[in-house]
Amino acid sequence: MNMLIYLIPIALILGGLGLVAFLWSLKSGQYEDLDGAAWRVISSDDDHPGP
């Protein structure tokens, strides 16, 4: 039972850090262009030809 004194604040701190990281990623624009990466993978632009 005494372990709950340590585990509950640790869980709250880790949850808060996760929330802050998620909000930071929203603010920095990580989720703005979700389709762009998918189209870049299948595009046939060969800017760098292989050896």
Protein backbone atom coordinates (compact mmCIF):
# COMPACT_ATOMS: atom_id res chain seq x y z
CA MET A 1 0.00 0.00 0.00
CA ASN A 2 2.92 2.33 0.68
CA MET A 3 4.10 1.88 -2.91
CA LEU A 4 1.03 3.78 -4.15
CA ILE A 5 2.51 6.91 -2.60
CA TYR A 6 5.32 6.63 -5.16
CA LEU A 7 3.54 5.05 -8.11
CA ILE A 8 0.63 7.50 -8.42
CA PRO A 9 2.79 10.66 -8.72
CA ILE A 10 5.16 8.88 -11.12
CA ALA A 11 2.21 7.84 -13.29
CA LEU A 12 0.80 11.37 -13.24
CA ILE A 13 4.16 12.88 -14.17
CA LEU A 14 4.68 10.44 -17.06
CA GLY A 15 1.13 11.05 -18.29
CA GLY A 16 1.72 14.80 -18.14
CA LEU A 17 4.97 14.44 -20.08
CA GLY A 18 3.17 12.42 -22.74
CA LEU A 19 0.46 15.06 -23.01
CA VAL A 20 3.04 17.85 -23.29
CA ALA A 21 4.91 15.93 -26.01
CA PHE A 22 1.68 15.38 -27.95
CA LEU A 23 0.67 19.04 -27.69
CA TRP A 24 4.17 20.11 -28.77
CA SER A 25 3.94 17.85 -31.85
CA LEU A 26 0.56 19.39 -32.72
CA LYS A 27 1.95 22.91 -32.39
CA SER A 28 5.08 22.15 -34.45
CA GLY A 29 3.00 20.86 -37.39
CA GLN A 30 3.78 17.15 -37.31
CA TYR A 31 0.25 16.20 -38.39
CA GLU A 32 -0.40 18.80 -41.10
CA ASP A 33 0.60 16.81 -44.21
CA LEU A 34 -0.35 13.19 -43.62
CA ASP A 35 -0.72 12.30 -47.31
CA GLY A 36 2.50 13.96 -48.49
CA ALA A 37 4.83 11.27 -47.15
CA ALA A 38 2.72 8.52 -48.70
CA TRP A 39 2.84 10.15 -52.12
CA ARG A 40 6.58 10.86 -51.88
CA VAL A 41 7.24 7.16 -51.39
CA ILE A 42 5.48 6.13 -54.60
CA SER A 43 6.50 9.07 -56.76
CA SER A 44 8.77 8.20 -59.67
CA ASP A 45 11.01 11.27 -59.46
CA ASP A 46 14.59 10.04 -59.73
CA ASP A 47 16.60 12.97 -58.41
CA HIS A 48 19.39 10.67 -57.29
CA PRO A 49 19.98 7.80 -59.73
CA GLY A 50 21.47 4.63 -58.29
CA PRO A 51 25.07 3.51 -58.87
